[in-house]
Amino acid sequence: MSFTRNVGFVDQIVRALIVIDVVAAYLMGFLSGFSAFALVSFALALIASCITAFCPAYAFMNFTTRQEYEDRRR
């Protein structure tokens, strides 16, 4: 499996907004116990894929949301 970028800019923004929401809910006390652990773990995975622009699930499905420079020129 190659680690080519497969997460587009809009997808990164959406993932970052979800992470911000989960962190805010945790800090405000809306999440506790197992739900806090599960959602914070999910947020960590999202932020990692946001930073690296690589999603293993997308790679497994041979899917990408990233537009290459050649596609934008058309």
PDB file of N, CA and C in Angstrom:
ATOM      1  N   MET A   1       0.845  -1.173   0.000  1.00  0.00           N
ATOM      2  CA  MET A   1       0.000   0.000   0.000  1.00  0.00           C
ATOM      3  C   MET A   1       0.892   1.239   0.000  1.00  0.00           C
ATOM      4  N   SER A   2       0.669   2.099  -0.965  1.00  0.00           N
ATOM      5  CA  SER A   2       1.456   3.322  -1.025  1.00  0.00           C
ATOM      6  C   SER A   2       0.732   4.436  -0.262  1.00  0.00           C
ATOM      7  N   PHE A   3       1.512   5.338   0.267  1.00  0.00           N
ATOM      8  CA  PHE A   3       0.943   6.421   1.051  1.00  0.00           C
ATOM      9  C   PHE A   3       0.841   7.691   0.206  1.00  0.00           C
ATOM     10  N   THR A   4       0.087   7.607  -0.880  1.00  0.00           N
ATOM     11  CA  THR A   4      -0.147   8.784  -1.703  1.00  0.00           C
ATOM     12  C   THR A   4      -1.309   9.567  -1.114  1.00  0.00           C
ATOM     13  N   ARG A   5      -1.264  10.850  -1.259  1.00  0.00           N
ATOM     14  CA  ARG A   5      -2.315  11.698  -0.694  1.00  0.00           C
ATOM     15  C   ARG A   5      -3.641  11.411  -1.376  1.00  0.00           C
ATOM     16  N   ASN A   6      -4.672  11.197  -0.590  1.00  0.00           N
ATOM     17  CA  ASN A   6      -5.986  10.900  -1.145  1.00  0.00           C
ATOM     18  C   ASN A   6      -7.113  11.671  -0.454  1.00  0.00           C
ATOM     19  N   VAL A   7      -6.767  12.648   0.369  1.00  0.00           N
ATOM     20  CA  VAL A   7      -7.759  13.465   1.070  1.00  0.00           C
ATOM     21  C   VAL A   7      -7.668  14.889   0.530  1.00  0.00           C
ATOM     22  N   GLY A   8      -8.758  15.389  -0.006  1.00  0.00           N
ATOM     23  CA  GLY A   8      -8.789  16.717  -0.578  1.00  0.00           C
ATOM     24  C   GLY A   8      -8.918  17.811   0.468  1.00  0.00           C
ATOM     25  N   PHE A   9      -8.818  19.060   0.006  1.00  0.00           N
ATOM     26  CA  PHE A   9      -8.840  20.213   0.894  1.00  0.00           C
ATOM     27  C   PHE A   9     -10.163  20.328   1.642  1.00  0.00           C
ATOM     28  N   VAL A  10     -11.275  20.201   0.941  1.00  0.00           N
ATOM     29  CA  VAL A  10     -12.589  20.314   1.587  1.00  0.00           C
ATOM     30  C   VAL A  10     -12.773  19.179   2.595  1.00  0.00           C
ATOM     31  N   ASP A  11     -12.329  17.998   2.249  1.00  0.00           N
ATOM     32  CA  ASP A  11     -12.399  16.856   3.154  1.00  0.00           C
ATOM     33  C   ASP A  11     -11.572  17.113   4.413  1.00  0.00           C
ATOM     34  N   GLN A  12     -10.415  17.732   4.274  1.00  0.00           N
ATOM     35  CA  GLN A  12      -9.583  18.071   5.429  1.00  0.00           C
ATOM     36  C   GLN A  12     -10.278  19.084   6.329  1.00  0.00           C
ATOM     37  N   ILE A  13     -10.920  20.071   5.734  1.00  0.00           N
ATOM     38  CA  ILE A  13     -11.625  21.088   6.512  1.00  0.00           C
ATOM     39  C   ILE A  13     -12.774  20.456   7.300  1.00  0.00           C
ATOM     40  N   VAL A  14     -13.547  19.580   6.662  1.00  0.00           N
ATOM     41  CA  VAL A  14     -14.664  18.911   7.336  1.00  0.00           C
ATOM     42  C   VAL A  14     -14.153  18.060   8.495  1.00  0.00           C
ATOM     43  N   ARG A  15     -13.056  17.330   8.266  1.00  0.00           N
ATOM     44  CA  ARG A  15     -12.481  16.506   9.332  1.00  0.00           C
ATOM     45  C   ARG A  15     -12.007  17.374  10.499  1.00  0.00           C
ATOM     46  N   ALA A  16     -11.380  18.507  10.194  1.00  0.00           N
ATOM     47  CA  ALA A  16     -10.905  19.403  11.244  1.00  0.00           C
ATOM     48  C   ALA A  16     -12.069  19.976  12.046  1.00  0.00           C
ATOM     49  N   LEU A  17     -13.166  20.315  11.379  1.00  0.00           N
ATOM     50  CA  LEU A  17     -14.342  20.831  12.088  1.00  0.00           C
ATOM     51  C   LEU A  17     -14.954  19.777  13.004  1.00  0.00           C
ATOM     52  N   ILE A  18     -14.958  18.527  12.558  1.00  0.00           N
ATOM     53  CA  ILE A  18     -15.468  17.447  13.414  1.00  0.00           C
ATOM     54  C   ILE A  18     -14.583  17.291  14.644  1.00  0.00           C
ATOM     55  N   VAL A  19     -13.268  17.374  14.446  1.00  0.00           N
ATOM     56  CA  VAL A  19     -12.329  17.269  15.576  1.00  0.00           C
ATOM     57  C   VAL A  19     -12.553  18.406  16.562  1.00  0.00           C
ATOM     58  N   ILE A  20     -12.742  19.616  16.057  1.00  0.00           N
ATOM     59  CA  ILE A  20     -12.983  20.770  16.926  1.00  0.00           C
ATOM     60  C   ILE A  20     -14.264  20.570  17.727  1.00  0.00           C
ATOM     61  N   ASP A  21     -15.312  20.054  17.079  1.00  0.00           N
ATOM     62  CA  ASP A  21     -16.569  19.796  17.781  1.00  0.00           C
ATOM     63  C   ASP A  21     -16.408  18.757  18.887  1.00  0.00           C
ATOM     64  N   VAL A  22     -15.691  17.682  18.603  1.00  0.00           N
ATOM     65  CA  VAL A  22     -15.503  16.627  19.601  1.00  0.00           C
ATOM     66  C   VAL A  22     -14.684  17.145  20.781  1.00  0.00           C
ATOM     67  N   VAL A  23     -13.625  17.889  20.495  1.00  0.00           N
ATOM     68  CA  VAL A  23     -12.788  18.432  21.573  1.00  0.00           C
ATOM     69  C   VAL A  23     -13.581  19.433  22.408  1.00  0.00           C
ATOM     70  N   ALA A  24     -14.366  20.277  21.756  1.00  0.00           N
ATOM     71  CA  ALA A  24     -15.185  21.246  22.497  1.00  0.00           C
ATOM     72  C   ALA A  24     -16.210  20.539  23.379  1.00  0.00           C
ATOM     73  N   ALA A  25     -16.851  19.502  22.848  1.00  0.00           N
ATOM     74  CA  ALA A  25     -17.834  18.751  23.649  1.00  0.00           C
ATOM     75  C   ALA A  25     -17.159  18.081  24.839  1.00  0.00           C
ATOM     76  N   TYR A  26     -15.948  17.572  24.639  1.00  0.00           N
ATOM     77  CA  TYR A  26     -15.226  16.933  25.748  1.00  0.00           C
ATOM     78  C   TYR A  26     -14.844  17.958  26.809  1.00  0.00           C
ATOM     79  N   LEU A  27     -14.318  19.104  26.375  1.00  0.00           N
ATOM     80  CA  LEU A  27     -13.886  20.127  27.331  1.00  0.00           C
ATOM     81  C   LEU A  27     -15.049  20.767  28.078  1.00  0.00           C
ATOM     82  N   MET A  28     -16.213  20.830  27.453  1.00  0.00           N
ATOM     83  CA  MET A  28     -17.382  21.410  28.100  1.00  0.00           C
ATOM     84  C   MET A  28     -18.104  20.409  28.984  1.00  0.00           C
ATOM     85  N   GLY A  29     -17.654  19.149  28.977  1.00  0.00           N
ATOM     86  CA  GLY A  29     -18.227  18.160  29.870  1.00  0.00           C
ATOM     87  C   GLY A  29     -19.403  17.390  29.322  1.00  0.00           C
ATOM     88  N   PHE A  30     -19.687  17.516  28.031  1.00  0.00           N
ATOM     89  CA  PHE A  30     -20.801  16.778  27.446  1.00  0.00           C
ATOM     90  C   PHE A  30     -20.467  15.314  27.211  1.00  0.00           C
ATOM     91  N   LEU A  31     -19.186  14.994  27.145  1.00  0.00           N
ATOM     92  CA  LEU A  31     -18.746  13.617  26.918  1.00  0.00           C
ATOM     93  C   LEU A  31     -18.055  13.101  28.166  1.00  0.00           C
ATOM     94  N   SER A  32     -18.377  11.877  28.522  1.00  0.00           N
ATOM     95  CA  SER A  32     -17.696  11.256  29.647  1.00  0.00           C
ATOM     96  C   SER A  32     -17.742   9.753  29.464  1.00  0.00           C
ATOM     97  N   GLY A  33     -16.885   9.064  30.149  1.00  0.00           N
ATOM     98  CA  GLY A  33     -16.860   7.614  30.112  1.00  0.00           C
ATOM     99  C   GLY A  33     -16.417   7.054  28.781  1.00  0.00           C
ATOM    100  N   PHE A  34     -17.084   5.969  28.382  1.00  0.00           N
ATOM    101  CA  PHE A  34     -16.703   5.283  27.153  1.00  0.00           C
ATOM    102  C   PHE A  34     -16.936   6.135  25.919  1.00  0.00           C
ATOM    103  N   SER A  35     -18.013   6.929  25.900  1.00  0.00           N
ATOM    104  CA  SER A  35     -18.285   7.768  24.732  1.00  0.00           C
ATOM    105  C   SER A  35     -17.173   8.787  24.532  1.00  0.00           C
ATOM    106  N   ALA A  36     -16.642   9.324  25.613  1.00  0.00           N
ATOM    107  CA  ALA A  36     -15.530  10.269  25.509  1.00  0.00           C
ATOM    108  C   ALA A  36     -14.300   9.569  24.935  1.00  0.00           C
ATOM    109  N   PHE A  37     -13.996   8.382  25.437  1.00  0.00           N
ATOM    110  CA  PHE A  37     -12.842   7.635  24.944  1.00  0.00           C
ATOM    111  C   PHE A  37     -12.991   7.308  23.460  1.00  0.00           C
ATOM    112  N   ALA A  38     -14.168   6.837  23.064  1.00  0.00           N
ATOM    113  CA  ALA A  38     -14.396   6.448  21.673  1.00  0.00           C
ATOM    114  C   ALA A  38     -14.328   7.652  20.733  1.00  0.00           C
ATOM    115  N   LEU A  39     -14.975   8.739  21.098  1.00  0.00           N
ATOM    116  CA  LEU A  39     -14.992   9.906  20.215  1.00  0.00           C
ATOM    117  C   LEU A  39     -13.651  10.619  20.161  1.00  0.00           C
ATOM    118  N   VAL A  40     -12.924  10.668  21.268  1.00  0.00           N
ATOM    119  CA  VAL A  40     -11.601  11.284  21.250  1.00  0.00           C
ATOM    120  C   VAL A  40     -10.637  10.418  20.441  1.00  0.00           C
ATOM    121  N   SER A  41     -10.758   9.111  20.520  1.00  0.00           N
ATOM    122  CA  SER A  41      -9.933   8.222  19.691  1.00  0.00           C
ATOM    123  C   SER A  41     -10.249   8.432  18.211  1.00  0.00           C
ATOM    124  N   PHE A  42     -11.520   8.553  17.887  1.00  0.00           N
ATOM    125  CA  PHE A  42     -11.941   8.823  16.516  1.00  0.00           C
ATOM    126  C   PHE A  42     -11.408  10.180  16.059  1.00  0.00           C
ATOM    127  N   ALA A  43     -11.443  11.176  16.928  1.00  0.00           N
ATOM    128  CA  ALA A  43     -10.939  12.508  16.586  1.00  0.00           C
ATOM    129  C   ALA A  43      -9.431  12.472  16.334  1.00  0.00           C
ATOM    130  N   LEU A  44      -8.704  11.681  17.106  1.00  0.00           N
ATOM    131  CA  LEU A  44      -7.260  11.541  16.872  1.00  0.00           C
ATOM    132  C   LEU A  44      -6.968  10.934  15.504  1.00  0.00           C
ATOM    133  N   ALA A  45      -7.758   9.940  15.118  1.00  0.00           N
ATOM    134  CA  ALA A  45      -7.583   9.343  13.792  1.00  0.00           C
ATOM    135  C   ALA A  45      -7.919  10.354  12.698  1.00  0.00           C
ATOM    136  N   LEU A  46      -8.960  11.141  12.911  1.00  0.00           N
ATOM    137  CA  LEU A  46      -9.325  12.162  11.919  1.00  0.00           C
ATOM    138  C   LEU A  46      -8.257  13.235  11.782  1.00  0.00           C
ATOM    139  N   ILE A  47      -7.707  13.685  12.905  1.00  0.00           N
ATOM    140  CA  ILE A  47      -6.688  14.734  12.830  1.00  0.00           C
ATOM    141  C   ILE A  47      -5.407  14.200  12.185  1.00  0.00           C
ATOM    142  N   ALA A  48      -5.102  12.929  12.417  1.00  0.00           N
ATOM    143  CA  ALA A  48      -3.932  12.332  11.767  1.00  0.00           C
ATOM    144  C   ALA A  48      -4.122  12.263  10.252  1.00  0.00           C
ATOM    145  N   SER A  49      -5.316  11.867   9.817  1.00  0.00           N
ATOM    146  CA  SER A  49      -5.566  11.815   8.376  1.00  0.00           C
ATOM    147  C   SER A  49      -5.676  13.218   7.782  1.00  0.00           C
ATOM    148  N   CYS A  50      -6.079  14.177   8.579  1.00  0.00           N
ATOM    149  CA  CYS A  50      -6.153  15.568   8.121  1.00  0.00           C
ATOM    150  C   CYS A  50      -4.752  16.140   7.918  1.00  0.00           C
ATOM    151  N   ILE A  51      -3.856  15.859   8.839  1.00  0.00           N
ATOM    152  CA  ILE A  51      -2.491  16.393   8.753  1.00  0.00           C
ATOM    153  C   ILE A  51      -1.705  15.729   7.629  1.00  0.00           C
ATOM    154  N   THR A  52      -1.837  14.413   7.495  1.00  0.00           N
ATOM    155  CA  THR A  52      -1.058  13.694   6.498  1.00  0.00           C
ATOM    156  C   THR A  52      -1.716  13.666   5.127  1.00  0.00           C
ATOM    157  N   ALA A  53      -2.990  14.031   5.033  1.00  0.00           N
ATOM    158  CA  ALA A  53      -3.767  13.997   3.787  1.00  0.00           C
ATOM    159  C   ALA A  53      -3.843  12.582   3.230  1.00  0.00           C
ATOM    160  N   PHE A  54      -3.799  11.592   4.113  1.00  0.00           N
ATOM    161  CA  PHE A  54      -3.905  10.191   3.718  1.00  0.00           C
ATOM    162  C   PHE A  54      -4.917   9.492   4.612  1.00  0.00           C
ATOM    163  N   CYS A  55      -5.869   8.818   3.993  1.00  0.00           N
ATOM    164  CA  CYS A  55      -6.876   8.063   4.730  1.00  0.00           C
ATOM    165  C   CYS A  55      -6.747   6.590   4.345  1.00  0.00           C
ATOM    166  N   PRO A  56      -6.417   5.722   5.306  1.00  0.00           N
ATOM    167  CA  PRO A  56      -6.277   4.297   4.987  1.00  0.00           C
ATOM    168  C   PRO A  56      -7.571   3.674   4.439  1.00  0.00           C
ATOM    169  N   ALA A  57      -8.722   4.113   4.919  1.00  0.00           N
ATOM    170  CA  ALA A  57      -9.992   3.574   4.412  1.00  0.00           C
ATOM    171  C   ALA A  57     -10.183   3.948   2.941  1.00  0.00           C
ATOM    172  N   TYR A  58      -9.829   5.181   2.578  1.00  0.00           N
ATOM    173  CA  TYR A  58      -9.911   5.592   1.181  1.00  0.00           C
ATOM    174  C   TYR A  58      -8.955   4.766   0.327  1.00  0.00           C
ATOM    175  N   ALA A  59      -7.751   4.513   0.828  1.00  0.00           N
ATOM    176  CA  ALA A  59      -6.778   3.723   0.079  1.00  0.00           C
ATOM    177  C   ALA A  59      -7.275   2.295  -0.116  1.00  0.00           C
ATOM    178  N   PHE A  60      -7.901   1.733   0.904  1.00  0.00           N
ATOM    179  CA  PHE A  60      -8.434   0.374   0.806  1.00  0.00           C
ATOM    180  C   PHE A  60      -9.520   0.286  -0.267  1.00  0.00           C
ATOM    181  N   MET A  61     -10.348   1.334  -0.367  1.00  0.00           N
ATOM    182  CA  MET A  61     -11.434   1.351  -1.342  1.00  0.00           C
ATOM    183  C   MET A  61     -11.014   1.946  -2.683  1.00  0.00           C
ATOM    184  N   ASN A  62      -9.735   2.333  -2.795  1.00  0.00           N
ATOM    185  CA  ASN A  62      -9.210   2.961  -4.022  1.00  0.00           C
ATOM    186  C   ASN A  62     -10.033   4.197  -4.385  1.00  0.00           C
ATOM    187  N   PHE A  63     -10.222   5.076  -3.400  1.00  0.00           N
ATOM    188  CA  PHE A  63     -11.052   6.266  -3.519  1.00  0.00           C
ATOM    189  C   PHE A  63     -10.214   7.476  -3.157  1.00  0.00           C
ATOM    190  N   THR A  64     -10.488   8.613  -3.769  1.00  0.00           N
ATOM    191  CA  THR A  64      -9.787   9.843  -3.431  1.00  0.00           C
ATOM    192  C   THR A  64     -10.734  11.030  -3.535  1.00  0.00           C
ATOM    193  N   THR A  65     -10.511  12.037  -2.702  1.00  0.00           N
ATOM    194  CA  THR A  65     -11.246  13.294  -2.809  1.00  0.00           C
ATOM    195  C   THR A  65     -10.298  14.415  -3.217  1.00  0.00           C
ATOM    196  N   ARG A  66      -9.062  14.068  -3.481  1.00  0.00           N
ATOM    197  CA  ARG A  66      -8.044  15.048  -3.839  1.00  0.00           C
ATOM    198  C   ARG A  66      -8.045  15.268  -5.351  1.00  0.00           C
ATOM    199  N   GLN A  67      -8.050  16.533  -5.740  1.00  0.00           N
ATOM    200  CA  GLN A  67      -7.964  16.879  -7.152  1.00  0.00           C
ATOM    201  C   GLN A  67      -6.517  17.200  -7.489  1.00  0.00           C
ATOM    202  N   GLU A  68      -6.045  16.620  -8.543  1.00  0.00           N
ATOM    203  CA  GLU A  68      -4.682  16.892  -8.980  1.00  0.00           C
ATOM    204  C   GLU A  68      -4.640  18.189  -9.788  1.00  0.00           C
ATOM    205  N   TYR A  69      -3.474  18.733  -9.952  1.00  0.00           N
ATOM    206  CA  TYR A  69      -3.289  19.989 -10.656  1.00  0.00           C
ATOM    207  C   TYR A  69      -3.805  19.891 -12.095  1.00  0.00           C
ATOM    208  N   GLU A  70      -3.616  18.748 -12.745  1.00  0.00           N
ATOM    209  CA  GLU A  70      -4.067  18.587 -14.125  1.00  0.00           C
ATOM    210  C   GLU A  70      -5.581  18.652 -14.224  1.00  0.00           C
ATOM    211  N   ASP A  71      -6.294  18.159 -13.211  1.00  0.00           N
ATOM    212  CA  ASP A  71      -7.747  18.201 -13.236  1.00  0.00           C
ATOM    213  C   ASP A  71      -8.259  19.632 -13.116  1.00  0.00           C
ATOM    214  N   ARG A  72      -7.550  20.484 -12.397  1.00  0.00           N
ATOM    215  CA  ARG A  72      -7.992  21.875 -12.226  1.00  0.00           C
ATOM    216  C   ARG A  72      -7.745  22.710 -13.458  1.00  0.00           C
ATOM    217  N   ARG A  73      -6.829  22.295 -14.327  1.00  0.00           N
ATOM    218  CA  ARG A  73      -6.511  23.073 -15.517  1.00  0.00           C
ATOM    219  C   ARG A  73      -7.552  22.905 -16.597  1.00  0.00           C
ATOM    220  N   ARG A  74      -8.358  21.866 -16.567  1.00  0.00           N
ATOM    221  CA  ARG A  74      -9.326  21.608 -17.633  1.00  0.00           C
ATOM    222  C   ARG A  74     -10.495  22.514 -17.561  1.00  0.00           C
TER     223      ARG A  74
END
